[in-house]
Amino acid sequence: MVVQVRPAQLPDWFASQEAEGAPLVLDVREPVETAFAAVTPEGFELLQIPMHLIPQRLAEIDPQRPVACLCHHGMRSWQVAAFLERNGYDHVANIAGGIDAWSAERDPAVPRY
């Protein structure tokens, strides 16, 4: 079952996964979306791979490290997180509420759309 983590709780989730390696936020939105509103990596690496490209780019995502998936409102990222879990990724979370919640809870400078 995919763990749901609110943006405000993300640092705590990453801290709980610290033994598993450097944390990664996997942004699965389309390039036009990430160009309009993007997160600033603070304490994590940011990797942007659109959802439809995840299967063919799976090798770019280390299955041993903690991965928190991000999209606009949390549905695409939930699907990607579930896909990762089915493919052997043990330290996966969905960022509930997506970039929209990120703007409200972590960084109001991130534009909402």
PDB file of N, CA and C in Angstrom:
ATOM      1  N   MET A   1       0.843  -1.181   0.000  1.00  0.00           N
ATOM      2  CA  MET A   1       0.000   0.000   0.000  1.00  0.00           C
ATOM      3  C   MET A   1       0.890   1.248   0.000  1.00  0.00           C
ATOM      4  N   VAL A   2       0.553   2.191  -0.831  1.00  0.00           N
ATOM      5  CA  VAL A   2       1.360   3.398  -0.980  1.00  0.00           C
ATOM      6  C   VAL A   2       1.168   4.311   0.234  1.00  0.00           C
ATOM      7  N   VAL A   3       2.279   4.723   0.819  1.00  0.00           N
ATOM      8  CA  VAL A   3       2.268   5.672   1.928  1.00  0.00           C
ATOM      9  C   VAL A   3       1.899   7.051   1.384  1.00  0.00           C
ATOM     10  N   GLN A   4       0.989   7.738   2.071  1.00  0.00           N
ATOM     11  CA  GLN A   4       0.587   9.096   1.694  1.00  0.00           C
ATOM     12  C   GLN A   4       1.264  10.082   2.651  1.00  0.00           C
ATOM     13  N   VAL A   5       1.982  11.037   2.097  1.00  0.00           N
ATOM     14  CA  VAL A   5       2.708  12.019   2.911  1.00  0.00           C
ATOM     15  C   VAL A   5       2.332  13.413   2.427  1.00  0.00           C
ATOM     16  N   ARG A   6       1.876  14.247   3.330  1.00  0.00           N
ATOM     17  CA  ARG A   6       1.583  15.646   2.989  1.00  0.00           C
ATOM     18  C   ARG A   6       2.918  16.382   2.788  1.00  0.00           C
ATOM     19  N   PRO A   7       2.945  17.418   1.975  1.00  0.00           N
ATOM     20  CA  PRO A   7       4.195  18.159   1.767  1.00  0.00           C
ATOM     21  C   PRO A   7       4.842  18.631   3.069  1.00  0.00           C
ATOM     22  N   ALA A   8       4.034  19.070   4.017  1.00  0.00           N
ATOM     23  CA  ALA A   8       4.581  19.547   5.292  1.00  0.00           C
ATOM     24  C   ALA A   8       5.239  18.413   6.086  1.00  0.00           C
ATOM     25  N   GLN A   9       4.842  17.172   5.837  1.00  0.00           N
ATOM     26  CA  GLN A   9       5.375  16.008   6.556  1.00  0.00           C
ATOM     27  C   GLN A   9       6.561  15.361   5.840  1.00  0.00           C
ATOM     28  N   LEU A  10       6.864  15.829   4.646  1.00  0.00           N
ATOM     29  CA  LEU A  10       7.896  15.182   3.838  1.00  0.00           C
ATOM     30  C   LEU A  10       9.264  15.116   4.533  1.00  0.00           C
ATOM     31  N   PRO A  11       9.738  16.185   5.167  1.00  0.00           N
ATOM     32  CA  PRO A  11      11.037  16.070   5.855  1.00  0.00           C
ATOM     33  C   PRO A  11      11.054  14.963   6.916  1.00  0.00           C
ATOM     34  N   ASP A  12       9.948  14.786   7.624  1.00  0.00           N
ATOM     35  CA  ASP A  12       9.879  13.729   8.638  1.00  0.00           C
ATOM     36  C   ASP A  12       9.903  12.348   7.988  1.00  0.00           C
ATOM     37  N   TRP A  13       9.196  12.193   6.853  1.00  0.00           N
ATOM     38  CA  TRP A  13       9.202  10.898   6.174  1.00  0.00           C
ATOM     39  C   TRP A  13      10.610  10.592   5.661  1.00  0.00           C
ATOM     40  N   PHE A  14      11.256  11.583   5.057  1.00  0.00           N
ATOM     41  CA  PHE A  14      12.623  11.368   4.594  1.00  0.00           C
ATOM     42  C   PHE A  14      13.541  11.011   5.764  1.00  0.00           C
ATOM     43  N   ALA A  15      13.383  11.673   6.894  1.00  0.00           N
ATOM     44  CA  ALA A  15      14.213  11.374   8.068  1.00  0.00           C
ATOM     45  C   ALA A  15      13.995   9.932   8.531  1.00  0.00           C
ATOM     46  N   SER A  16      12.761   9.453   8.441  1.00  0.00           N
ATOM     47  CA  SER A  16      12.467   8.071   8.854  1.00  0.00           C
ATOM     48  C   SER A  16      13.067   7.058   7.884  1.00  0.00           C
ATOM     49  N   GLN A  17      13.421   7.487   6.698  1.00  0.00           N
ATOM     50  CA  GLN A  17      13.990   6.622   5.667  1.00  0.00           C
ATOM     51  C   GLN A  17      15.491   6.844   5.493  1.00  0.00           C
ATOM     52  N   GLU A  18      16.085   7.631   6.371  1.00  0.00           N
ATOM     53  CA  GLU A  18      17.470   8.061   6.234  1.00  0.00           C
ATOM     54  C   GLU A  18      18.455   6.913   5.995  1.00  0.00           C
ATOM     55  N   ALA A  19      18.228   5.789   6.631  1.00  0.00           N
ATOM     56  CA  ALA A  19      19.139   4.660   6.491  1.00  0.00           C
ATOM     57  C   ALA A  19      19.107   4.062   5.083  1.00  0.00           C
ATOM     58  N   GLU A  20      18.082   4.410   4.313  1.00  0.00           N
ATOM     59  CA  GLU A  20      17.925   3.823   2.981  1.00  0.00           C
ATOM     60  C   GLU A  20      18.650   4.602   1.885  1.00  0.00           C
ATOM     61  N   GLY A  21      19.185   5.770   2.216  1.00  0.00           N
ATOM     62  CA  GLY A  21      19.938   6.535   1.225  1.00  0.00           C
ATOM     63  C   GLY A  21      19.398   7.935   1.032  1.00  0.00           C
ATOM     64  N   ALA A  22      20.004   8.618   0.077  1.00  0.00           N
ATOM     65  CA  ALA A  22      19.645  10.013  -0.207  1.00  0.00           C
ATOM     66  C   ALA A  22      18.217  10.082  -0.748  1.00  0.00           C
ATOM     67  N   PRO A  23      17.387  10.977  -0.209  1.00  0.00           N
ATOM     68  CA  PRO A  23      15.997  11.064  -0.628  1.00  0.00           C
ATOM     69  C   PRO A  23      15.835  11.682  -2.021  1.00  0.00           C
ATOM     70  N   LEU A  24      14.786  11.240  -2.694  1.00  0.00           N
ATOM     71  CA  LEU A  24      14.485  11.685  -4.045  1.00  0.00           C
ATOM     72  C   LEU A  24      13.025  12.085  -4.138  1.00  0.00           C
ATOM     73  N   VAL A  25      12.759  13.258  -4.715  1.00  0.00           N
ATOM     74  CA  VAL A  25      11.404  13.626  -5.109  1.00  0.00           C
ATOM     75  C   VAL A  25      11.331  13.394  -6.612  1.00  0.00           C
ATOM     76  N   LEU A  26      10.414  12.531  -7.007  1.00  0.00           N
ATOM     77  CA  LEU A  26      10.207  12.194  -8.408  1.00  0.00           C
ATOM     78  C   LEU A  26       8.974  12.955  -8.894  1.00  0.00           C
ATOM     79  N   ASP A  27       9.204  13.986  -9.693  1.00  0.00           N
ATOM     80  CA  ASP A  27       8.126  14.812 -10.231  1.00  0.00           C
ATOM     81  C   ASP A  27       7.676  14.189 -11.540  1.00  0.00           C
ATOM     82  N   VAL A  28       6.440  13.706 -11.590  1.00  0.00           N
ATOM     83  CA  VAL A  28       5.940  12.968 -12.754  1.00  0.00           C
ATOM     84  C   VAL A  28       5.035  13.818 -13.647  1.00  0.00           C
ATOM     85  N   ARG A  29       5.048  15.131 -13.434  1.00  0.00           N
ATOM     86  CA  ARG A  29       4.237  16.023 -14.269  1.00  0.00           C
ATOM     87  C   ARG A  29       4.889  16.221 -15.634  1.00  0.00           C
ATOM     88  N   GLU A  30       4.122  16.786 -16.539  1.00  0.00           N
ATOM     89  CA  GLU A  30       4.606  17.087 -17.885  1.00  0.00           C
ATOM     90  C   GLU A  30       5.549  18.294 -17.853  1.00  0.00           C
ATOM     91  N   PRO A  31       6.458  18.412 -18.829  1.00  0.00           N
ATOM     92  CA  PRO A  31       7.409  19.531 -18.848  1.00  0.00           C
ATOM     93  C   PRO A  31       6.752  20.913 -18.791  1.00  0.00           C
ATOM     94  N   VAL A  32       5.625  21.102 -19.437  1.00  0.00           N
ATOM     95  CA  VAL A  32       4.951  22.400 -19.383  1.00  0.00           C
ATOM     96  C   VAL A  32       4.515  22.733 -17.951  1.00  0.00           C
ATOM     97  N   GLU A  33       4.139  21.709 -17.187  1.00  0.00           N
ATOM     98  CA  GLU A  33       3.751  21.925 -15.789  1.00  0.00           C
ATOM     99  C   GLU A  33       4.953  22.261 -14.923  1.00  0.00           C
ATOM    100  N   THR A  34       6.040  21.521 -15.105  1.00  0.00           N
ATOM    101  CA  THR A  34       7.219  21.772 -14.272  1.00  0.00           C
ATOM    102  C   THR A  34       7.869  23.104 -14.616  1.00  0.00           C
ATOM    103  N   ALA A  35       7.700  23.567 -15.859  1.00  0.00           N
ATOM    104  CA  ALA A  35       8.225  24.877 -16.237  1.00  0.00           C
ATOM    105  C   ALA A  35       7.443  25.990 -15.545  1.00  0.00           C
ATOM    106  N   PHE A  36       6.157  25.752 -15.308  1.00  0.00           N
ATOM    107  CA  PHE A  36       5.311  26.773 -14.685  1.00  0.00           C
ATOM    108  C   PHE A  36       5.463  26.799 -13.167  1.00  0.00           C
ATOM    109  N   ALA A  37       5.536  25.622 -12.567  1.00  0.00           N
ATOM    110  CA  ALA A  37       5.601  25.524 -11.106  1.00  0.00           C
ATOM    111  C   ALA A  37       6.506  24.359 -10.733  1.00  0.00           C
ATOM    112  N   ALA A  38       7.601  24.663 -10.069  1.00  0.00           N
ATOM    113  CA  ALA A  38       8.547  23.614  -9.679  1.00  0.00           C
ATOM    114  C   ALA A  38       8.965  23.786  -8.225  1.00  0.00           C
ATOM    115  N   VAL A  39       9.330  22.675  -7.612  1.00  0.00           N
ATOM    116  CA  VAL A  39       9.830  22.728  -6.247  1.00  0.00           C
ATOM    117  C   VAL A  39      11.330  22.976  -6.272  1.00  0.00           C
ATOM    118  N   THR A  40      11.823  23.565  -5.210  1.00  0.00           N
ATOM    119  CA  THR A  40      13.258  23.776  -5.046  1.00  0.00           C
ATOM    120  C   THR A  40      13.790  22.647  -4.173  1.00  0.00           C
ATOM    121  N   PRO A  41      14.763  21.894  -4.672  1.00  0.00           N
ATOM    122  CA  PRO A  41      15.307  20.796  -3.866  1.00  0.00           C
ATOM    123  C   PRO A  41      15.990  21.316  -2.601  1.00  0.00           C
ATOM    124  N   GLU A  42      15.473  20.899  -1.468  1.00  0.00           N
ATOM    125  CA  GLU A  42      16.049  21.255  -0.169  1.00  0.00           C
ATOM    126  C   GLU A  42      16.106  19.993   0.677  1.00  0.00           C
ATOM    127  N   GLY A  43      17.280  19.391   0.755  1.00  0.00           N
ATOM    128  CA  GLY A  43      17.437  18.169   1.521  1.00  0.00           C
ATOM    129  C   GLY A  43      17.060  16.922   0.742  1.00  0.00           C
ATOM    130  N   PHE A  44      16.836  17.066  -0.549  1.00  0.00           N
ATOM    131  CA  PHE A  44      16.503  15.932  -1.404  1.00  0.00           C
ATOM    132  C   PHE A  44      16.935  16.244  -2.831  1.00  0.00           C
ATOM    133  N   GLU A  45      17.086  15.189  -3.617  1.00  0.00           N
ATOM    134  CA  GLU A  45      17.334  15.345  -5.040  1.00  0.00           C
ATOM    135  C   GLU A  45      15.987  15.413  -5.753  1.00  0.00           C
ATOM    136  N   LEU A  46      15.926  16.165  -6.827  1.00  0.00           N
ATOM    137  CA  LEU A  46      14.710  16.273  -7.635  1.00  0.00           C
ATOM    138  C   LEU A  46      14.975  15.652  -9.002  1.00  0.00           C
ATOM    139  N   LEU A  47      14.090  14.759  -9.412  1.00  0.00           N
ATOM    140  CA  LEU A  47      14.175  14.131 -10.725  1.00  0.00           C
ATOM    141  C   LEU A  47      12.821  14.297 -11.400  1.00  0.00           C
ATOM    142  N   GLN A  48      12.828  14.847 -12.608  1.00  0.00           N
ATOM    143  CA  GLN A  48      11.578  15.077 -13.337  1.00  0.00           C
ATOM    144  C   GLN A  48      11.487  14.099 -14.504  1.00  0.00           C
ATOM    145  N   ILE A  49      10.527  13.184 -14.405  1.00  0.00           N
ATOM    146  CA  ILE A  49      10.244  12.224 -15.470  1.00  0.00           C
ATOM    147  C   ILE A  49       8.728  12.183 -15.636  1.00  0.00           C
ATOM    148  N   PRO A  50       8.204  12.599 -16.790  1.00  0.00           N
ATOM    149  CA  PRO A  50       6.755  12.531 -16.987  1.00  0.00           C
ATOM    150  C   PRO A  50       6.227  11.100 -16.791  1.00  0.00           C
ATOM    151  N   MET A  51       5.034  11.011 -16.252  1.00  0.00           N
ATOM    152  CA  MET A  51       4.432   9.730 -15.903  1.00  0.00           C
ATOM    153  C   MET A  51       4.527   8.702 -17.028  1.00  0.00           C
ATOM    154  N   HIS A  52       4.217   9.098 -18.239  1.00  0.00           N
ATOM    155  CA  HIS A  52       4.175   8.126 -19.339  1.00  0.00           C
ATOM    156  C   HIS A  52       5.560   7.590 -19.713  1.00  0.00           C
ATOM    157  N   LEU A  53       6.623   8.239 -19.229  1.00  0.00           N
ATOM    158  CA  LEU A  53       7.980   7.784 -19.534  1.00  0.00           C
ATOM    159  C   LEU A  53       8.601   6.937 -18.417  1.00  0.00           C
ATOM    160  N   ILE A  54       7.908   6.805 -17.302  1.00  0.00           N
ATOM    161  CA  ILE A  54       8.463   6.068 -16.154  1.00  0.00           C
ATOM    162  C   ILE A  54       8.878   4.639 -16.534  1.00  0.00           C
ATOM    163  N   PRO A  55       8.034   3.847 -17.203  1.00  0.00           N
ATOM    164  CA  PRO A  55       8.461   2.470 -17.485  1.00  0.00           C
ATOM    165  C   PRO A  55       9.762   2.389 -18.288  1.00  0.00           C
ATOM    166  N   GLN A  56       9.925   3.239 -19.269  1.00  0.00           N
ATOM    167  CA  GLN A  56      11.140   3.144 -20.081  1.00  0.00           C
ATOM    168  C   GLN A  56      12.350   3.805 -19.426  1.00  0.00           C
ATOM    169  N   ARG A  57      12.134   4.610 -18.383  1.00  0.00           N
ATOM    170  CA  ARG A  57      13.251   5.258 -17.694  1.00  0.00           C
ATOM    171  C   ARG A  57      13.434   4.751 -16.261  1.00  0.00           C
ATOM    172  N   LEU A  58      12.837   3.617 -15.969  1.00  0.00           N
ATOM    173  CA  LEU A  58      12.865   3.059 -14.613  1.00  0.00           C
ATOM    174  C   LEU A  58      14.284   2.887 -14.076  1.00  0.00           C
ATOM    175  N   ALA A  59      15.231   2.573 -14.942  1.00  0.00           N
ATOM    176  CA  ALA A  59      16.610   2.349 -14.506  1.00  0.00           C
ATOM    177  C   ALA A  59      17.255   3.601 -13.921  1.00  0.00           C
ATOM    178  N   GLU A  60      16.685   4.774 -14.168  1.00  0.00           N
ATOM    179  CA  GLU A  60      17.222   6.028 -13.618  1.00  0.00           C
ATOM    180  C   GLU A  60      16.868   6.218 -12.147  1.00  0.00           C
ATOM    181  N   ILE A  61      15.966   5.392 -11.636  1.00  0.00           N
ATOM    182  CA  ILE A  61      15.479   5.527 -10.262  1.00  0.00           C
ATOM    183  C   ILE A  61      16.017   4.368  -9.433  1.00  0.00           C
ATOM    184  N   ASP A  62      16.869   4.669  -8.478  1.00  0.00           N
ATOM    185  CA  ASP A  62      17.483   3.645  -7.625  1.00  0.00           C
ATOM    186  C   ASP A  62      16.413   3.022  -6.723  1.00  0.00           C
ATOM    187  N   PRO A  63      16.196   1.708  -6.823  1.00  0.00           N
ATOM    188  CA  PRO A  63      15.150   1.066  -6.017  1.00  0.00           C
ATOM    189  C   PRO A  63      15.471   0.992  -4.526  1.00  0.00           C
ATOM    190  N   GLN A  64      16.693   1.301  -4.144  1.00  0.00           N
ATOM    191  CA  GLN A  64      17.085   1.220  -2.736  1.00  0.00           C
ATOM    192  C   GLN A  64      16.832   2.522  -1.965  1.00  0.00           C
ATOM    193  N   ARG A  65      16.708   3.634  -2.671  1.00  0.00           N
ATOM    194  CA  ARG A  65      16.590   4.915  -1.968  1.00  0.00           C
ATOM    195  C   ARG A  65      15.129   5.307  -1.776  1.00  0.00           C
ATOM    196  N   PRO A  66      14.855   6.180  -0.809  1.00  0.00           N
ATOM    197  CA  PRO A  66      13.478   6.649  -0.612  1.00  0.00           C
ATOM    198  C   PRO A  66      13.051   7.580  -1.746  1.00  0.00           C
ATOM    199  N   VAL A  67      11.871   7.309  -2.297  1.00  0.00           N
ATOM    200  CA  VAL A  67      11.337   8.074  -3.415  1.00  0.00           C
ATOM    201  C   VAL A  67       9.952   8.584  -3.042  1.00  0.00           C
ATOM    202  N   ALA A  68       9.769   9.894  -3.119  1.00  0.00           N
ATOM    203  CA  ALA A  68       8.457  10.509  -2.911  1.00  0.00           C
ATOM    204  C   ALA A  68       7.998  11.065  -4.256  1.00  0.00           C
ATOM    205  N   CYS A  69       6.850  10.601  -4.724  1.00  0.00           N
ATOM    206  CA  CYS A  69       6.339  10.974  -6.042  1.00  0.00           C
ATOM    207  C   CYS A  69       5.427  12.197  -5.944  1.00  0.00           C
ATOM    208  N   LEU A  70       5.557  13.079  -6.944  1.00  0.00           N
ATOM    209  CA  LEU A  70       4.851  14.361  -6.944  1.00  0.00           C
ATOM    210  C   LEU A  70       4.181  14.598  -8.291  1.00  0.00           C
ATOM    211  N   CYS A  71       2.946  15.119  -8.270  1.00  0.00           N
ATOM    212  CA  CYS A  71       2.270  15.575  -9.483  1.00  0.00           C
ATOM    213  C   CYS A  71       1.467  16.825  -9.128  1.00  0.00           C
ATOM    214  N   HIS A  72       0.399  17.100  -9.860  1.00  0.00           N
ATOM    215  CA  HIS A  72      -0.376  18.315  -9.614  1.00  0.00           C
ATOM    216  C   HIS A  72      -1.216  18.211  -8.339  1.00  0.00           C
ATOM    217  N   HIS A  73      -2.036  17.161  -8.236  1.00  0.00           N
ATOM    218  CA  HIS A  73      -2.898  17.009  -7.054  1.00  0.00           C
ATOM    219  C   HIS A  73      -2.697  15.687  -6.315  1.00  0.00           C
ATOM    220  N   GLY A  74      -1.897  14.783  -6.854  1.00  0.00           N
ATOM    221  CA  GLY A  74      -1.588  13.552  -6.137  1.00  0.00           C
ATOM    222  C   GLY A  74      -2.108  12.268  -6.753  1.00  0.00           C
ATOM    223  N   MET A  75      -2.832  12.332  -7.852  1.00  0.00           N
ATOM    224  CA  MET A  75      -3.367  11.107  -8.451  1.00  0.00           C
ATOM    225  C   MET A  75      -2.347  10.417  -9.375  1.00  0.00           C
ATOM    226  N   ARG A  76      -1.746  11.164 -10.279  1.00  0.00           N
ATOM    227  CA  ARG A  76      -0.728  10.560 -11.159  1.00  0.00           C
ATOM    228  C   ARG A  76       0.435  10.033 -10.329  1.00  0.00           C
ATOM    229  N   SER A  77       0.855  10.827  -9.350  1.00  0.00           N
ATOM    230  CA  SER A  77       1.980  10.402  -8.518  1.00  0.00           C
ATOM    231  C   SER A  77       1.629   9.157  -7.701  1.00  0.00           C
ATOM    232  N   TRP A  78       0.379   9.033  -7.278  1.00  0.00           N
ATOM    233  CA  TRP A  78      -0.052   7.835  -6.563  1.00  0.00           C
ATOM    234  C   TRP A  78       0.054   6.621  -7.484  1.00  0.00           C
ATOM    235  N   GLN A  79      -0.356   6.780  -8.736  1.00  0.00           N
ATOM    236  CA  GLN A  79      -0.268   5.674  -9.697  1.00  0.00           C
ATOM    237  C   GLN A  79       1.194   5.284  -9.943  1.00  0.00           C
ATOM    238  N   VAL A  80       2.060   6.272 -10.056  1.00  0.00           N
ATOM    239  CA  VAL A  80       3.487   5.982 -10.263  1.00  0.00           C
ATOM    240  C   VAL A  80       4.067   5.302  -9.018  1.00  0.00           C
ATOM    241  N   ALA A  81       3.723   5.791  -7.837  1.00  0.00           N
ATOM    242  CA  ALA A  81       4.213   5.171  -6.603  1.00  0.00           C
ATOM    243  C   ALA A  81       3.773   3.712  -6.522  1.00  0.00           C
ATOM    244  N   ALA A  82       2.526   3.430  -6.881  1.00  0.00           N
ATOM    245  CA  ALA A  82       2.026   2.054  -6.877  1.00  0.00           C
ATOM    246  C   ALA A  82       2.788   1.207  -7.905  1.00  0.00           C
ATOM    247  N   PHE A  83       3.061   1.773  -9.070  1.00  0.00           N
ATOM    248  CA  PHE A  83       3.847   1.085 -10.098  1.00  0.00           C
ATOM    249  C   PHE A  83       5.242   0.762  -9.570  1.00  0.00           C
ATOM    250  N   LEU A  84       5.871   1.736  -8.911  1.00  0.00           N
ATOM    251  CA  LEU A  84       7.206   1.499  -8.355  1.00  0.00           C
ATOM    252  C   LEU A  84       7.174   0.379  -7.322  1.00  0.00           C
ATOM    253  N   GLU A  85       6.176   0.405  -6.432  1.00  0.00           N
ATOM    254  CA  GLU A  85       6.061  -0.658  -5.432  1.00  0.00           C
ATOM    255  C   GLU A  85       5.916  -2.022  -6.092  1.00  0.00           C
ATOM    256  N   ARG A  86       5.105  -2.116  -7.127  1.00  0.00           N
ATOM    257  CA  ARG A  86       4.913  -3.392  -7.831  1.00  0.00           C
ATOM    258  C   ARG A  86       6.201  -3.862  -8.513  1.00  0.00           C
ATOM    259  N   ASN A  87       7.116  -2.934  -8.731  1.00  0.00           N
ATOM    260  CA  ASN A  87       8.372  -3.261  -9.404  1.00  0.00           C
ATOM    261  C   ASN A  87       9.559  -3.325  -8.445  1.00  0.00           C
ATOM    262  N   GLY A  88       9.286  -3.539  -7.163  1.00  0.00           N
ATOM    263  CA  GLY A  88      10.346  -3.815  -6.210  1.00  0.00           C
ATOM    264  C   GLY A  88      10.910  -2.634  -5.443  1.00  0.00           C
ATOM    265  N   TYR A  89      10.300  -1.488  -5.550  1.00  0.00           N
ATOM    266  CA  TYR A  89      10.755  -0.320  -4.791  1.00  0.00           C
ATOM    267  C   TYR A  89      10.065  -0.360  -3.427  1.00  0.00           C
ATOM    268  N   ASP A  90      10.869  -0.444  -2.369  1.00  0.00           N
ATOM    269  CA  ASP A  90      10.320  -0.637  -1.021  1.00  0.00           C
ATOM    270  C   ASP A  90      10.122   0.642  -0.227  1.00  0.00           C
ATOM    271  N   HIS A  91      10.718   1.735  -0.646  1.00  0.00           N
ATOM    272  CA  HIS A  91      10.686   2.973   0.135  1.00  0.00           C
ATOM    273  C   HIS A  91      10.076   4.080  -0.717  1.00  0.00           C
ATOM    274  N   VAL A  92       8.762   3.972  -0.921  1.00  0.00           N
ATOM    275  CA  VAL A  92       8.050   4.870  -1.824  1.00  0.00           C
ATOM    276  C   VAL A  92       6.899   5.528  -1.082  1.00  0.00           C
ATOM    277  N   ALA A  93       6.698   6.811  -1.391  1.00  0.00           N
ATOM    278  CA  ALA A  93       5.551   7.541  -0.847  1.00  0.00           C
ATOM    279  C   ALA A  93       4.942   8.404  -1.948  1.00  0.00           C
ATOM    280  N   ASN A  94       3.691   8.729  -1.766  1.00  0.00           N
ATOM    281  CA  ASN A  94       3.009   9.676  -2.637  1.00  0.00           C
ATOM    282  C   ASN A  94       2.887  10.994  -1.876  1.00  0.00           C
ATOM    283  N   ILE A  95       3.210  12.098  -2.525  1.00  0.00           N
ATOM    284  CA  ILE A  95       3.040  13.406  -1.901  1.00  0.00           C
ATOM    285  C   ILE A  95       1.580  13.802  -2.111  1.00  0.00           C
ATOM    286  N   ALA A  96       0.791  13.599  -1.071  1.00  0.00           N
ATOM    287  CA  ALA A  96      -0.651  13.835  -1.121  1.00  0.00           C
ATOM    288  C   ALA A  96      -0.940  15.318  -1.337  1.00  0.00           C
ATOM    289  N   GLY A  97      -1.801  15.601  -2.289  1.00  0.00           N
ATOM    290  CA  GLY A  97      -2.144  16.983  -2.599  1.00  0.00           C
ATOM    291  C   GLY A  97      -1.262  17.598  -3.659  1.00  0.00           C
ATOM    292  N   GLY A  98      -0.145  16.929  -3.984  1.00  0.00           N
ATOM    293  CA  GLY A  98       0.723  17.358  -5.063  1.00  0.00           C
ATOM    294  C   GLY A  98       1.336  18.739  -4.912  1.00  0.00           C
ATOM    295  N   ILE A  99       1.699  19.304  -6.066  1.00  0.00           N
ATOM    296  CA  ILE A  99       2.340  20.625  -6.082  1.00  0.00           C
ATOM    297  C   ILE A  99       1.392  21.701  -5.554  1.00  0.00           C
ATOM    298  N   ASP A 100       0.090  21.475  -5.710  1.00  0.00           N
ATOM    299  CA  ASP A 100      -0.891  22.429  -5.201  1.00  0.00           C
ATOM    300  C   ASP A 100      -0.779  22.515  -3.674  1.00  0.00           C
ATOM    301  N   ALA A 101      -0.716  21.374  -3.016  1.00  0.00           N
ATOM    302  CA  ALA A 101      -0.553  21.357  -1.558  1.00  0.00           C
ATOM    303  C   ALA A 101       0.841  21.841  -1.166  1.00  0.00           C
ATOM    304  N   TRP A 102       1.831  21.550  -2.006  1.00  0.00           N
ATOM    305  CA  TRP A 102       3.202  22.017  -1.735  1.00  0.00           C
ATOM    306  C   TRP A 102       3.198  23.537  -1.606  1.00  0.00           C
ATOM    307  N   SER A 103       2.518  24.198  -2.532  1.00  0.00           N
ATOM    308  CA  SER A 103       2.439  25.658  -2.501  1.00  0.00           C
ATOM    309  C   SER A 103       1.759  26.152  -1.229  1.00  0.00           C
ATOM    310  N   ALA A 104       0.715  25.464  -0.826  1.00  0.00           N
ATOM    311  CA  ALA A 104      -0.033  25.876   0.363  1.00  0.00           C
ATOM    312  C   ALA A 104       0.701  25.561   1.665  1.00  0.00           C
ATOM    313  N   GLU A 105       1.437  24.454   1.714  1.00  0.00           N
ATOM    314  CA  GLU A 105       2.028  23.982   2.969  1.00  0.00           C
ATOM    315  C   GLU A 105       3.521  24.248   3.131  1.00  0.00           C
ATOM    316  N   ARG A 106       4.265  24.312   2.024  1.00  0.00           N
ATOM    317  CA  ARG A 106       5.719  24.418   2.139  1.00  0.00           C
ATOM    318  C   ARG A 106       6.307  25.667   1.532  1.00  0.00           C
ATOM    319  N   ASP A 107       5.805  26.065   0.364  1.00  0.00           N
ATOM    320  CA  ASP A 107       6.433  27.169  -0.344  1.00  0.00           C
ATOM    321  C   ASP A 107       5.401  27.965  -1.139  1.00  0.00           C
ATOM    322  N   PRO A 108       4.868  29.025  -0.554  1.00  0.00           N
ATOM    323  CA  PRO A 108       3.850  29.818  -1.242  1.00  0.00           C
ATOM    324  C   PRO A 108       4.384  30.527  -2.494  1.00  0.00           C
ATOM    325  N   ALA A 109       5.684  30.540  -2.713  1.00  0.00           N
ATOM    326  CA  ALA A 109       6.243  31.135  -3.917  1.00  0.00           C
ATOM    327  C   ALA A 109       6.023  30.257  -5.150  1.00  0.00           C
ATOM    328  N   VAL A 110       5.693  28.981  -4.926  1.00  0.00           N
ATOM    329  CA  VAL A 110       5.394  28.074  -6.035  1.00  0.00           C
ATOM    330  C   VAL A 110       3.996  28.432  -6.565  1.00  0.00           C
ATOM    331  N   PRO A 111       3.907  28.798  -7.844  1.00  0.00           N
ATOM    332  CA  PRO A 111       2.600  29.178  -8.395  1.00  0.00           C
ATOM    333  C   PRO A 111       1.604  28.026  -8.357  1.00  0.00           C
ATOM    334  N   ARG A 112       0.349  28.385  -8.124  1.00  0.00           N
ATOM    335  CA  ARG A 112      -0.729  27.389  -8.157  1.00  0.00           C
ATOM    336  C   ARG A 112      -1.417  27.471  -9.507  1.00  0.00           C
ATOM    337  N   TYR A 113      -1.832  26.345 -10.016  1.00  0.00           N
ATOM    338  CA  TYR A 113      -2.531  26.309 -11.298  1.00  0.00           C
ATOM    339  C   TYR A 113      -3.627  25.264 -11.267  1.00  0.00           C
TER     340      TYR A 113
END
